[in-house]
Amino acid sequence: MLTTFMICTLIFFVAWVLTGTYIIEHWYHRDKHNNFEKSLLYIWGLVFVIFIDVPYNIVFGTLYFRQLPNKDGCGWTFTERLQHILKEEPVESWRWQHAYWICRYLISPWDFNHCGLGLGRE
């Protein structure tokens, strides 16, 4: 049975993925946009970070990684959390392995080297 928490988490995740995909697609085609469209894209990116990425990190990231945001240098966005875990946690830890998997298979195919893995285009 779906709880309110699960539904909110799902909504945040879908919004995070769809908005991120929209921003990335427009970023790759940024040379074809005029200044007004670029301004709208940057404003939408800021709205995305403030209203989607930060709450997603606070809810999903905290529960999934069992770590409060901004604790021990872990940032407020989901990417900052992943980068922090990849840099500070030992490779054998479950947090590092999960953060690596998310970066490698969910983020890097769409936004190369977003987490700083240095994988490039594969």
PDB file of N, CA and C in Angstrom:
ATOM      1  N   MET A   1       0.844  -1.175   0.000  1.00  0.00           N
ATOM      2  CA  MET A   1       0.000   0.000   0.000  1.00  0.00           C
ATOM      3  C   MET A   1       0.892   1.240   0.000  1.00  0.00           C
ATOM      4  N   LEU A   2       0.594   2.163  -0.874  1.00  0.00           N
ATOM      5  CA  LEU A   2       1.377   3.377  -0.976  1.00  0.00           C
ATOM      6  C   LEU A   2       1.010   4.353   0.131  1.00  0.00           C
ATOM      7  N   THR A   3       2.022   4.856   0.775  1.00  0.00           N
ATOM      8  CA  THR A   3       1.792   5.866   1.801  1.00  0.00           C
ATOM      9  C   THR A   3       2.009   7.245   1.179  1.00  0.00           C
ATOM     10  N   THR A   4       1.619   8.252   1.903  1.00  0.00           N
ATOM     11  CA  THR A   4       1.814   9.622   1.437  1.00  0.00           C
ATOM     12  C   THR A   4       3.295   9.907   1.226  1.00  0.00           C
ATOM     13  N   PHE A   5       4.127   9.412   2.122  1.00  0.00           N
ATOM     14  CA  PHE A   5       5.566   9.609   2.002  1.00  0.00           C
ATOM     15  C   PHE A   5       6.094   8.979   0.713  1.00  0.00           C
ATOM     16  N   MET A   6       5.668   7.768   0.419  1.00  0.00           N
ATOM     17  CA  MET A   6       6.131   7.084  -0.788  1.00  0.00           C
ATOM     18  C   MET A   6       5.678   7.827  -2.044  1.00  0.00           C
ATOM     19  N   ILE A   7       4.467   8.335  -2.049  1.00  0.00           N
ATOM     20  CA  ILE A   7       3.951   9.083  -3.196  1.00  0.00           C
ATOM     21  C   ILE A   7       4.740  10.374  -3.375  1.00  0.00           C
ATOM     22  N   CYS A   8       5.009  11.094  -2.284  1.00  0.00           N
ATOM     23  CA  CYS A   8       5.796  12.328  -2.377  1.00  0.00           C
ATOM     24  C   CYS A   8       7.211  12.038  -2.876  1.00  0.00           C
ATOM     25  N   THR A   9       7.815  10.965  -2.393  1.00  0.00           N
ATOM     26  CA  THR A   9       9.152  10.586  -2.851  1.00  0.00           C
ATOM     27  C   THR A   9       9.132  10.263  -4.330  1.00  0.00           C
ATOM     28  N   LEU A  10       8.133   9.551  -4.774  1.00  0.00           N
ATOM     29  CA  LEU A  10       8.009   9.206  -6.196  1.00  0.00           C
ATOM     30  C   LEU A  10       7.822  10.468  -7.045  1.00  0.00           C
ATOM     31  N   ILE A  11       7.005  11.391  -6.585  1.00  0.00           N
ATOM     32  CA  ILE A  11       6.792  12.645  -7.320  1.00  0.00           C
ATOM     33  C   ILE A  11       8.096  13.430  -7.414  1.00  0.00           C
ATOM     34  N   PHE A  12       8.825  13.530  -6.305  1.00  0.00           N
ATOM     35  CA  PHE A  12      10.114  14.226  -6.331  1.00  0.00           C
ATOM     36  C   PHE A  12      11.084  13.557  -7.307  1.00  0.00           C
ATOM     37  N   PHE A  13      11.131  12.220  -7.285  1.00  0.00           N
ATOM     38  CA  PHE A  13      12.056  11.504  -8.161  1.00  0.00           C
ATOM     39  C   PHE A  13      11.703  11.729  -9.630  1.00  0.00           C
ATOM     40  N   VAL A  14      10.431  11.601  -9.981  1.00  0.00           N
ATOM     41  CA  VAL A  14      10.005  11.806 -11.373  1.00  0.00           C
ATOM     42  C   VAL A  14      10.279  13.242 -11.805  1.00  0.00           C
ATOM     43  N   ALA A  15       9.957  14.205 -10.949  1.00  0.00           N
ATOM     44  CA  ALA A  15      10.222  15.610 -11.288  1.00  0.00           C
ATOM     45  C   ALA A  15      11.711  15.854 -11.434  1.00  0.00           C
ATOM     46  N   TRP A  16      12.506  15.244 -10.577  1.00  0.00           N
ATOM     47  CA  TRP A  16      13.965  15.406 -10.638  1.00  0.00           C
ATOM     48  C   TRP A  16      14.500  14.866 -11.955  1.00  0.00           C
ATOM     49  N   VAL A  17      14.077  13.676 -12.340  1.00  0.00           N
ATOM     50  CA  VAL A  17      14.558  13.058 -13.582  1.00  0.00           C
ATOM     51  C   VAL A  17      14.080  13.844 -14.802  1.00  0.00           C
ATOM     52  N   LEU A  18      12.794  14.179 -14.858  1.00  0.00           N
ATOM     53  CA  LEU A  18      12.267  14.891 -16.021  1.00  0.00           C
ATOM     54  C   LEU A  18      12.871  16.283 -16.159  1.00  0.00           C
ATOM     55  N   THR A  19      12.970  16.994 -15.075  1.00  0.00           N
ATOM     56  CA  THR A  19      13.539  18.338 -15.142  1.00  0.00           C
ATOM     57  C   THR A  19      15.019  18.278 -15.486  1.00  0.00           C
ATOM     58  N   GLY A  20      15.725  17.367 -14.880  1.00  0.00           N
ATOM     59  CA  GLY A  20      17.141  17.211 -15.192  1.00  0.00           C
ATOM     60  C   GLY A  20      17.364  16.856 -16.649  1.00  0.00           C
ATOM     61  N   THR A  21      16.551  15.968 -17.191  1.00  0.00           N
ATOM     62  CA  THR A  21      16.659  15.603 -18.605  1.00  0.00           C
ATOM     63  C   THR A  21      16.364  16.801 -19.489  1.00  0.00           C
ATOM     64  N   TYR A  22      15.366  17.593 -19.140  1.00  0.00           N
ATOM     65  CA  TYR A  22      15.020  18.791 -19.906  1.00  0.00           C
ATOM     66  C   TYR A  22      16.187  19.777 -19.916  1.00  0.00           C
ATOM     67  N   ILE A  23      16.764  20.014 -18.742  1.00  0.00           N
ATOM     68  CA  ILE A  23      17.877  20.963 -18.643  1.00  0.00           C
ATOM     69  C   ILE A  23      19.085  20.462 -19.415  1.00  0.00           C
ATOM     70  N   ILE A  24      19.400  19.192 -19.286  1.00  0.00           N
ATOM     71  CA  ILE A  24      20.557  18.633 -19.994  1.00  0.00           C
ATOM     72  C   ILE A  24      20.356  18.711 -21.496  1.00  0.00           C
ATOM     73  N   GLU A  25      19.171  18.398 -21.973  1.00  0.00           N
ATOM     74  CA  GLU A  25      18.899  18.454 -23.411  1.00  0.00           C
ATOM     75  C   GLU A  25      19.080  19.872 -23.929  1.00  0.00           C
ATOM     76  N   HIS A  26      18.590  20.831 -23.197  1.00  0.00           N
ATOM     77  CA  HIS A  26      18.734  22.226 -23.618  1.00  0.00           C
ATOM     78  C   HIS A  26      20.168  22.721 -23.463  1.00  0.00           C
ATOM     79  N   TRP A  27      20.897  22.164 -22.499  1.00  0.00           N
ATOM     80  CA  TRP A  27      22.288  22.566 -22.319  1.00  0.00           C
ATOM     81  C   TRP A  27      23.122  22.136 -23.531  1.00  0.00           C
ATOM     82  N   TYR A  28      22.875  20.938 -24.033  1.00  0.00           N
ATOM     83  CA  TYR A  28      23.638  20.451 -25.184  1.00  0.00           C
ATOM     84  C   TYR A  28      23.306  21.227 -26.456  1.00  0.00           C
ATOM     85  N   HIS A  29      22.135  21.837 -26.513  1.00  0.00           N
ATOM     86  CA  HIS A  29      21.725  22.616 -27.682  1.00  0.00           C
ATOM     87  C   HIS A  29      21.713  24.114 -27.375  1.00  0.00           C
ATOM     88  N   ARG A  30      22.513  24.537 -26.412  1.00  0.00           N
ATOM     89  CA  ARG A  30      22.489  25.938 -25.970  1.00  0.00           C
ATOM     90  C   ARG A  30      22.931  26.919 -27.045  1.00  0.00           C
ATOM     91  N   ASP A  31      23.752  26.491 -27.994  1.00  0.00           N
ATOM     92  CA  ASP A  31      24.208  27.391 -29.050  1.00  0.00           C
ATOM     93  C   ASP A  31      23.078  27.792 -29.995  1.00  0.00           C
ATOM     94  N   LYS A  32      22.009  27.012 -30.032  1.00  0.00           N
ATOM     95  CA  LYS A  32      20.896  27.278 -30.939  1.00  0.00           C
ATOM     96  C   LYS A  32      19.835  28.177 -30.314  1.00  0.00           C
ATOM     97  N   HIS A  33      20.006  28.529 -29.039  1.00  0.00           N
ATOM     98  CA  HIS A  33      19.017  29.348 -28.345  1.00  0.00           C
ATOM     99  C   HIS A  33      19.449  30.814 -28.311  1.00  0.00           C
ATOM    100  N   ASN A  34      18.448  31.699 -28.327  1.00  0.00           N
ATOM    101  CA  ASN A  34      18.758  33.125 -28.177  1.00  0.00           C
ATOM    102  C   ASN A  34      18.917  33.454 -26.689  1.00  0.00           C
ATOM    103  N   ASN A  35      19.257  34.682 -26.379  1.00  0.00           N
ATOM    104  CA  ASN A  35      19.531  35.077 -24.990  1.00  0.00           C
ATOM    105  C   ASN A  35      18.313  34.930 -24.084  1.00  0.00           C
ATOM    106  N   PHE A  36      17.120  35.226 -24.620  1.00  0.00           N
ATOM    107  CA  PHE A  36      15.907  35.093 -23.814  1.00  0.00           C
ATOM    108  C   PHE A  36      15.686  33.636 -23.416  1.00  0.00           C
ATOM    109  N   GLU A  37      15.853  32.717 -24.368  1.00  0.00           N
ATOM    110  CA  GLU A  37      15.682  31.293 -24.068  1.00  0.00           C
ATOM    111  C   GLU A  37      16.742  30.810 -23.083  1.00  0.00           C
ATOM    112  N   LYS A  38      17.965  31.311 -23.221  1.00  0.00           N
ATOM    113  CA  LYS A  38      19.022  30.945 -22.278  1.00  0.00           C
ATOM    114  C   LYS A  38      18.689  31.447 -20.877  1.00  0.00           C
ATOM    115  N   SER A  39      18.165  32.665 -20.790  1.00  0.00           N
ATOM    116  CA  SER A  39      17.783  33.201 -19.481  1.00  0.00           C
ATOM    117  C   SER A  39      16.693  32.354 -18.845  1.00  0.00           C
ATOM    118  N   LEU A  40      15.705  31.959 -19.619  1.00  0.00           N
ATOM    119  CA  LEU A  40      14.645  31.098 -19.101  1.00  0.00           C
ATOM    120  C   LEU A  40      15.201  29.759 -18.629  1.00  0.00           C
ATOM    121  N   LEU A  41      16.155  29.228 -19.382  1.00  0.00           N
ATOM    122  CA  LEU A  41      16.753  27.956 -19.014  1.00  0.00           C
ATOM    123  C   LEU A  41      17.503  28.070 -17.688  1.00  0.00           C
ATOM    124  N   TYR A  42      18.256  29.154 -17.496  1.00  0.00           N
ATOM    125  CA  TYR A  42      18.985  29.336 -16.243  1.00  0.00           C
ATOM    126  C   TYR A  42      18.036  29.570 -15.079  1.00  0.00           C
ATOM    127  N   ILE A  43      16.966  30.305 -15.310  1.00  0.00           N
ATOM    128  CA  ILE A  43      15.973  30.522 -14.252  1.00  0.00           C
ATOM    129  C   ILE A  43      15.319  29.198 -13.881  1.00  0.00           C
ATOM    130  N   TRP A  44      14.969  28.390 -14.909  1.00  0.00           N
ATOM    131  CA  TRP A  44      14.364  27.082 -14.649  1.00  0.00           C
ATOM    132  C   TRP A  44      15.354  26.183 -13.903  1.00  0.00           C
ATOM    133  N   GLY A  45      16.644  26.271 -14.239  1.00  0.00           N
ATOM    134  CA  GLY A  45      17.659  25.498 -13.533  1.00  0.00           C
ATOM    135  C   GLY A  45      17.737  25.882 -12.063  1.00  0.00           C
ATOM    136  N   LEU A  46      17.639  27.169 -11.772  1.00  0.00           N
ATOM    137  CA  LEU A  46      17.652  27.641 -10.391  1.00  0.00           C
ATOM    138  C   LEU A  46      16.410  27.159  -9.639  1.00  0.00           C
ATOM    139  N   VAL A  47      15.258  27.242 -10.278  1.00  0.00           N
ATOM    140  CA  VAL A  47      14.012  26.751  -9.673  1.00  0.00           C
ATOM    141  C   VAL A  47      14.129  25.253  -9.405  1.00  0.00           C
ATOM    142  N   PHE A  48      14.711  24.520 -10.363  1.00  0.00           N
ATOM    143  CA  PHE A  48      14.902  23.078 -10.211  1.00  0.00           C
ATOM    144  C   PHE A  48      15.735  22.774  -8.979  1.00  0.00           C
ATOM    145  N   VAL A  49      16.842  23.485  -8.822  1.00  0.00           N
ATOM    146  CA  VAL A  49      17.743  23.219  -7.697  1.00  0.00           C
ATOM    147  C   VAL A  49      17.054  23.531  -6.376  1.00  0.00           C
ATOM    148  N   ILE A  50      16.368  24.677  -6.310  1.00  0.00           N
ATOM    149  CA  ILE A  50      15.773  25.108  -5.047  1.00  0.00           C
ATOM    150  C   ILE A  50      14.558  24.268  -4.666  1.00  0.00           C
ATOM    151  N   PHE A  51      13.669  24.003  -5.625  1.00  0.00           N
ATOM    152  CA  PHE A  51      12.392  23.383  -5.282  1.00  0.00           C
ATOM    153  C   PHE A  51      12.314  21.886  -5.554  1.00  0.00           C
ATOM    154  N   ILE A  52      13.280  21.328  -6.288  1.00  0.00           N
ATOM    155  CA  ILE A  52      13.214  19.900  -6.573  1.00  0.00           C
ATOM    156  C   ILE A  52      14.444  19.174  -6.053  1.00  0.00           C
ATOM    157  N   ASP A  53      15.643  19.618  -6.431  1.00  0.00           N
ATOM    158  CA  ASP A  53      16.854  18.882  -6.067  1.00  0.00           C
ATOM    159  C   ASP A  53      17.121  18.917  -4.567  1.00  0.00           C
ATOM    160  N   VAL A  54      16.991  20.071  -3.939  1.00  0.00           N
ATOM    161  CA  VAL A  54      17.252  20.167  -2.501  1.00  0.00           C
ATOM    162  C   VAL A  54      16.226  19.353  -1.696  1.00  0.00           C
ATOM    163  N   PRO A  55      14.906  19.499  -1.939  1.00  0.00           N
ATOM    164  CA  PRO A  55      13.959  18.658  -1.196  1.00  0.00           C
ATOM    165  C   PRO A  55      14.153  17.159  -1.488  1.00  0.00           C
ATOM    166  N   TYR A  56      14.501  16.819  -2.740  1.00  0.00           N
ATOM    167  CA  TYR A  56      14.746  15.417  -3.076  1.00  0.00           C
ATOM    168  C   TYR A  56      15.939  14.896  -2.270  1.00  0.00           C
ATOM    169  N   ASN A  57      16.981  15.696  -2.162  1.00  0.00           N
ATOM    170  CA  ASN A  57      18.144  15.290  -1.389  1.00  0.00           C
ATOM    171  C   ASN A  57      17.798  15.157   0.089  1.00  0.00           C
ATOM    172  N   ILE A  58      17.021  16.109   0.593  1.00  0.00           N
ATOM    173  CA  ILE A  58      16.666  16.068   2.008  1.00  0.00           C
ATOM    174  C   ILE A  58      15.821  14.838   2.328  1.00  0.00           C
ATOM    175  N   VAL A  59      14.861  14.507   1.471  1.00  0.00           N
ATOM    176  CA  VAL A  59      13.974  13.373   1.731  1.00  0.00           C
ATOM    177  C   VAL A  59      14.624  12.062   1.292  1.00  0.00           C
ATOM    178  N   PHE A  60      14.830  11.896   0.007  1.00  0.00           N
ATOM    179  CA  PHE A  60      15.327  10.622  -0.519  1.00  0.00           C
ATOM    180  C   PHE A  60      16.775  10.366  -0.091  1.00  0.00           C
ATOM    181  N   GLY A  61      17.640  11.362  -0.262  1.00  0.00           N
ATOM    182  CA  GLY A  61      19.045  11.185   0.063  1.00  0.00           C
ATOM    183  C   GLY A  61      19.275  10.855   1.526  1.00  0.00           C
ATOM    184  N   THR A  62      18.545  11.517   2.413  1.00  0.00           N
ATOM    185  CA  THR A  62      18.696  11.264   3.841  1.00  0.00           C
ATOM    186  C   THR A  62      18.245   9.854   4.191  1.00  0.00           C
ATOM    187  N   LEU A  63      17.111   9.436   3.652  1.00  0.00           N
ATOM    188  CA  LEU A  63      16.611   8.099   3.961  1.00  0.00           C
ATOM    189  C   LEU A  63      17.451   7.007   3.307  1.00  0.00           C
ATOM    190  N   TYR A  64      17.826   7.215   2.059  1.00  0.00           N
ATOM    191  CA  TYR A  64      18.561   6.183   1.328  1.00  0.00           C
ATOM    192  C   TYR A  64      19.974   5.994   1.884  1.00  0.00           C
ATOM    193  N   PHE A  65      20.687   7.100   2.124  1.00  0.00           N
ATOM    194  CA  PHE A  65      22.067   6.995   2.592  1.00  0.00           C
ATOM    195  C   PHE A  65      22.190   7.063   4.112  1.00  0.00           C
ATOM    196  N   ARG A  66      21.067   7.261   4.813  1.00  0.00           N
ATOM    197  CA  ARG A  66      21.054   7.347   6.272  1.00  0.00           C
ATOM    198  C   ARG A  66      22.093   8.355   6.772  1.00  0.00           C
ATOM    199  N   GLN A  67      22.009   9.550   6.181  1.00  0.00           N
ATOM    200  CA  GLN A  67      22.973  10.600   6.474  1.00  0.00           C
ATOM    201  C   GLN A  67      22.274  11.938   6.273  1.00  0.00           C
ATOM    202  N   LEU A  68      22.353  12.801   7.258  1.00  0.00           N
ATOM    203  CA  LEU A  68      21.713  14.110   7.148  1.00  0.00           C
ATOM    204  C   LEU A  68      22.441  14.979   6.134  1.00  0.00           C
ATOM    205  N   PRO A  69      21.702  15.831   5.404  1.00  0.00           N
ATOM    206  CA  PRO A  69      22.382  16.737   4.479  1.00  0.00           C
ATOM    207  C   PRO A  69      23.229  17.750   5.240  1.00  0.00           C
ATOM    208  N   ASN A  70      24.308  18.150   4.611  1.00  0.00           N
ATOM    209  CA  ASN A  70      25.247  19.128   5.158  1.00  0.00           C
ATOM    210  C   ASN A  70      25.927  18.648   6.437  1.00  0.00           C
ATOM    211  N   LYS A  71      25.932  17.334   6.643  1.00  0.00           N
ATOM    212  CA  LYS A  71      26.645  16.751   7.780  1.00  0.00           C
ATOM    213  C   LYS A  71      28.019  16.304   7.300  1.00  0.00           C
ATOM    214  N   ASP A  72      29.042  16.721   7.976  1.00  0.00           N
ATOM    215  CA  ASP A  72      30.421  16.366   7.626  1.00  0.00           C
ATOM    216  C   ASP A  72      30.775  16.780   6.200  1.00  0.00           C
ATOM    217  N   GLY A  73      30.266  17.918   5.759  1.00  0.00           N
ATOM    218  CA  GLY A  73      30.614  18.421   4.431  1.00  0.00           C
ATOM    219  C   GLY A  73      29.693  17.957   3.317  1.00  0.00           C
ATOM    220  N   CYS A  74      28.741  17.099   3.622  1.00  0.00           N
ATOM    221  CA  CYS A  74      27.784  16.644   2.610  1.00  0.00           C
ATOM    222  C   CYS A  74      26.871  17.822   2.266  1.00  0.00           C
ATOM    223  N   GLY A  75      26.728  18.124   0.986  1.00  0.00           N
ATOM    224  CA  GLY A  75      26.025  19.324   0.564  1.00  0.00           C
ATOM    225  C   GLY A  75      24.510  19.193   0.572  1.00  0.00           C
ATOM    226  N   TRP A  76      23.854  20.259   0.120  1.00  0.00           N
ATOM    227  CA  TRP A  76      22.396  20.311   0.107  1.00  0.00           C
ATOM    228  C   TRP A  76      21.788  19.718  -1.149  1.00  0.00           C
ATOM    229  N   THR A  77      22.555  19.613  -2.249  1.00  0.00           N
ATOM    230  CA  THR A  77      22.009  18.996  -3.463  1.00  0.00           C
ATOM    231  C   THR A  77      22.411  17.534  -3.515  1.00  0.00           C
ATOM    232  N   PHE A  78      21.677  16.762  -4.306  1.00  0.00           N
ATOM    233  CA  PHE A  78      21.932  15.333  -4.402  1.00  0.00           C
ATOM    234  C   PHE A  78      23.308  15.063  -5.006  1.00  0.00           C
ATOM    235  N   THR A  79      23.711  15.862  -5.990  1.00  0.00           N
ATOM    236  CA  THR A  79      25.026  15.680  -6.606  1.00  0.00           C
ATOM    237  C   THR A  79      26.140  15.944  -5.599  1.00  0.00           C
ATOM    238  N   GLU A  80      25.988  16.991  -4.791  1.00  0.00           N
ATOM    239  CA  GLU A  80      26.998  17.272  -3.763  1.00  0.00           C
ATOM    240  C   GLU A  80      27.110  16.116  -2.783  1.00  0.00           C
ATOM    241  N   ARG A  81      25.973  15.522  -2.435  1.00  0.00           N
ATOM    242  CA  ARG A  81      25.992  14.371  -1.530  1.00  0.00           C
ATOM    243  C   ARG A  81      26.750  13.212  -2.164  1.00  0.00           C
ATOM    244  N   LEU A  82      26.447  12.918  -3.431  1.00  0.00           N
ATOM    245  CA  LEU A  82      27.127  11.824  -4.114  1.00  0.00           C
ATOM    246  C   LEU A  82      28.624  12.081  -4.233  1.00  0.00           C
ATOM    247  N   GLN A  83      29.006  13.294  -4.601  1.00  0.00           N
ATOM    248  CA  GLN A  83      30.423  13.640  -4.719  1.00  0.00           C
ATOM    249  C   GLN A  83      31.133  13.514  -3.377  1.00  0.00           C
ATOM    250  N   HIS A  84      30.474  13.952  -2.320  1.00  0.00           N
ATOM    251  CA  HIS A  84      31.059  13.856  -0.981  1.00  0.00           C
ATOM    252  C   HIS A  84      31.272  12.395  -0.593  1.00  0.00           C
ATOM    253  N   ILE A  85      30.279  11.563  -0.834  1.00  0.00           N
ATOM    254  CA  ILE A  85      30.396  10.145  -0.494  1.00  0.00           C
ATOM    255  C   ILE A  85      31.513   9.491  -1.296  1.00  0.00           C
ATOM    256  N   LEU A  86      31.588   9.793  -2.587  1.00  0.00           N
ATOM    257  CA  LEU A  86      32.627   9.196  -3.428  1.00  0.00           C
ATOM    258  C   LEU A  86      34.026   9.646  -3.006  1.00  0.00           C
ATOM    259  N   LYS A  87      34.129  10.837  -2.466  1.00  0.00           N
ATOM    260  CA  LYS A  87      35.436  11.366  -2.071  1.00  0.00           C
ATOM    261  C   LYS A  87      35.845  10.920  -0.665  1.00  0.00           C
ATOM    262  N   GLU A  88      34.900  10.880   0.262  1.00  0.00           N
ATOM    263  CA  GLU A  88      35.236  10.683   1.675  1.00  0.00           C
ATOM    264  C   GLU A  88      35.040   9.259   2.187  1.00  0.00           C
ATOM    265  N   GLU A  89      34.102   8.527   1.632  1.00  0.00           N
ATOM    266  CA  GLU A  89      33.826   7.180   2.139  1.00  0.00           C
ATOM    267  C   GLU A  89      34.824   6.178   1.570  1.00  0.00           C
ATOM    268  N   PRO A  90      35.144   5.117   2.315  1.00  0.00           N
ATOM    269  CA  PRO A  90      36.008   4.075   1.750  1.00  0.00           C
ATOM    270  C   PRO A  90      35.286   3.311   0.631  1.00  0.00           C
ATOM    271  N   VAL A  91      36.058   2.827  -0.318  1.00  0.00           N
ATOM    272  CA  VAL A  91      35.480   2.141  -1.480  1.00  0.00           C
ATOM    273  C   VAL A  91      34.670   0.909  -1.069  1.00  0.00           C
ATOM    274  N   GLU A  92      35.014   0.290   0.028  1.00  0.00           N
ATOM    275  CA  GLU A  92      34.332  -0.924   0.472  1.00  0.00           C
ATOM    276  C   GLU A  92      32.976  -0.642   1.124  1.00  0.00           C
ATOM    277  N   SER A  93      32.703   0.601   1.464  1.00  0.00           N
ATOM    278  CA  SER A  93      31.462   0.911   2.174  1.00  0.00           C
ATOM    279  C   SER A  93      30.254   0.829   1.242  1.00  0.00           C
ATOM    280  N   TRP A  94      29.115   0.519   1.838  1.00  0.00           N
ATOM    281  CA  TRP A  94      27.896   0.400   1.043  1.00  0.00           C
ATOM    282  C   TRP A  94      27.491   1.750   0.479  1.00  0.00           C
ATOM    283  N   ARG A  95      27.721   2.829   1.205  1.00  0.00           N
ATOM    284  CA  ARG A  95      27.370   4.163   0.693  1.00  0.00           C
ATOM    285  C   ARG A  95      28.162   4.481  -0.568  1.00  0.00           C
ATOM    286  N   TRP A  96      29.470   4.202  -0.551  1.00  0.00           N
ATOM    287  CA  TRP A  96      30.309   4.476  -1.716  1.00  0.00           C
ATOM    288  C   TRP A  96      29.827   3.663  -2.906  1.00  0.00           C
ATOM    289  N   GLN A  97      29.544   2.396  -2.705  1.00  0.00           N
ATOM    290  CA  GLN A  97      29.114   1.532  -3.804  1.00  0.00           C
ATOM    291  C   GLN A  97      27.779   1.980  -4.387  1.00  0.00           C
ATOM    292  N   HIS A  98      26.867   2.385  -3.545  1.00  0.00           N
ATOM    293  CA  HIS A  98      25.573   2.862  -4.039  1.00  0.00           C
ATOM    294  C   HIS A  98      25.711   4.209  -4.746  1.00  0.00           C
ATOM    295  N   ALA A  99      26.513   5.112  -4.180  1.00  0.00           N
ATOM    296  CA  ALA A  99      26.728   6.412  -4.823  1.00  0.00           C
ATOM    297  C   ALA A  99      27.407   6.229  -6.172  1.00  0.00           C
ATOM    298  N   TYR A 100      28.371   5.321  -6.240  1.00  0.00           N
ATOM    299  CA  TYR A 100      29.051   5.055  -7.510  1.00  0.00           C
ATOM    300  C   TYR A 100      28.068   4.520  -8.543  1.00  0.00           C
ATOM    301  N   TRP A 101      27.198   3.594  -8.135  1.00  0.00           N
ATOM    302  CA  TRP A 101      26.231   3.004  -9.063  1.00  0.00           C
ATOM    303  C   TRP A 101      25.272   4.075  -9.581  1.00  0.00           C
ATOM    304  N   ILE A 102      24.781   4.937  -8.702  1.00  0.00           N
ATOM    305  CA  ILE A 102      23.871   6.005  -9.128  1.00  0.00           C
ATOM    306  C   ILE A 102      24.569   6.930 -10.117  1.00  0.00           C
ATOM    307  N   CYS A 103      25.803   7.326  -9.787  1.00  0.00           N
ATOM    308  CA  CYS A 103      26.552   8.222 -10.687  1.00  0.00           C
ATOM    309  C   CYS A 103      26.863   7.539 -12.004  1.00  0.00           C
ATOM    310  N   ARG A 104      27.320   6.316 -11.941  1.00  0.00           N
ATOM    311  CA  ARG A 104      27.807   5.606 -13.135  1.00  0.00           C
ATOM    312  C   ARG A 104      26.678   5.263 -14.091  1.00  0.00           C
ATOM    313  N   TYR A 105      25.571   4.751 -13.563  1.00  0.00           N
ATOM    314  CA  TYR A 105      24.526   4.208 -14.433  1.00  0.00           C
ATOM    315  C   TYR A 105      23.289   5.084 -14.578  1.00  0.00           C
ATOM    316  N   LEU A 106      23.057   6.009 -13.660  1.00  0.00           N
ATOM    317  CA  LEU A 106      21.870   6.853 -13.769  1.00  0.00           C
ATOM    318  C   LEU A 106      22.182   8.285 -14.187  1.00  0.00           C
ATOM    319  N   ILE A 107      23.355   8.800 -13.815  1.00  0.00           N
ATOM    320  CA  ILE A 107      23.670  10.199 -14.108  1.00  0.00           C
ATOM    321  C   ILE A 107      24.651  10.343 -15.265  1.00  0.00           C
ATOM    322  N   SER A 108      25.746   9.592 -15.238  1.00  0.00           N
ATOM    323  CA  SER A 108      26.794   9.748 -16.262  1.00  0.00           C
ATOM    324  C   SER A 108      26.334   9.495 -17.700  1.00  0.00           C
ATOM    325  N   PRO A 109      25.411   8.568 -17.959  1.00  0.00           N
ATOM    326  CA  PRO A 109      24.972   8.410 -19.354  1.00  0.00           C
ATOM    327  C   PRO A 109      24.315   9.670 -19.922  1.00  0.00           C
ATOM    328  N   TRP A 110      23.760  10.522 -19.055  1.00  0.00           N
ATOM    329  CA  TRP A 110      23.067  11.725 -19.512  1.00  0.00           C
ATOM    330  C   TRP A 110      23.916  12.978 -19.366  1.00  0.00           C
ATOM    331  N   ASP A 111      24.743  13.021 -18.351  1.00  0.00           N
ATOM    332  CA  ASP A 111      25.561  14.199 -18.083  1.00  0.00           C
ATOM    333  C   ASP A 111      26.959  13.711 -17.702  1.00  0.00           C
ATOM    334  N   PHE A 112      27.827  13.604 -18.689  1.00  0.00           N
ATOM    335  CA  PHE A 112      29.127  12.982 -18.518  1.00  0.00           C
ATOM    336  C   PHE A 112      29.960  13.715 -17.481  1.00  0.00           C
ATOM    337  N   ASN A 113      30.541  12.935 -16.574  1.00  0.00           N
ATOM    338  CA  ASN A 113      31.429  13.424 -15.524  1.00  0.00           C
ATOM    339  C   ASN A 113      30.733  14.385 -14.558  1.00  0.00           C
ATOM    340  N   HIS A 114      29.431  14.274 -14.415  1.00  0.00           N
ATOM    341  CA  HIS A 114      28.667  15.147 -13.509  1.00  0.00           C
ATOM    342  C   HIS A 114      29.089  14.929 -12.058  1.00  0.00           C
ATOM    343  N   CYS A 115      29.333  13.693 -11.691  1.00  0.00           N
ATOM    344  CA  CYS A 115      29.721  13.384 -10.322  1.00  0.00           C
ATOM    345  C   CYS A 115      31.227  13.439 -10.118  1.00  0.00           C
ATOM    346  N   GLY A 116      31.967  13.670 -11.185  1.00  0.00           N
ATOM    347  CA  GLY A 116      33.423  13.732 -11.066  1.00  0.00           C
ATOM    348  C   GLY A 116      34.098  12.387 -11.125  1.00  0.00           C
ATOM    349  N   LEU A 117      33.448  11.397 -11.725  1.00  0.00           N
ATOM    350  CA  LEU A 117      34.055  10.073 -11.834  1.00  0.00           C
ATOM    351  C   LEU A 117      35.154  10.029 -12.890  1.00  0.00           C
ATOM    352  N   GLY A 118      35.119  10.969 -13.831  1.00  0.00           N
ATOM    353  CA  GLY A 118      36.125  11.000 -14.879  1.00  0.00           C
ATOM    354  C   GLY A 118      35.950   9.901 -15.910  1.00  0.00           C
ATOM    355  N   LEU A 119      34.726   9.411 -16.060  1.00  0.00           N
ATOM    356  CA  LEU A 119      34.496   8.311 -16.998  1.00  0.00           C
ATOM    357  C   LEU A 119      34.472   8.783 -18.439  1.00  0.00           C
ATOM    358  N   GLY A 120      34.039  10.004 -18.657  1.00  0.00           N
ATOM    359  CA  GLY A 120      33.934  10.506 -20.025  1.00  0.00           C
ATOM    360  C   GLY A 120      32.818   9.805 -20.782  1.00  0.00           C
ATOM    361  N   ARG A 121      32.850   9.952 -22.070  1.00  0.00           N
ATOM    362  CA  ARG A 121      31.827   9.320 -22.904  1.00  0.00           C
ATOM    363  C   ARG A 121      32.205   7.879 -23.148  1.00  0.00           C
ATOM    364  N   GLU A 122      31.290   6.974 -22.828  1.00  0.00           N
ATOM    365  CA  GLU A 122      31.560   5.547 -23.014  1.00  0.00           C
ATOM    366  C   GLU A 122      30.515   4.925 -23.882  1.00  0.00           C
TER     367      GLU A 122
END
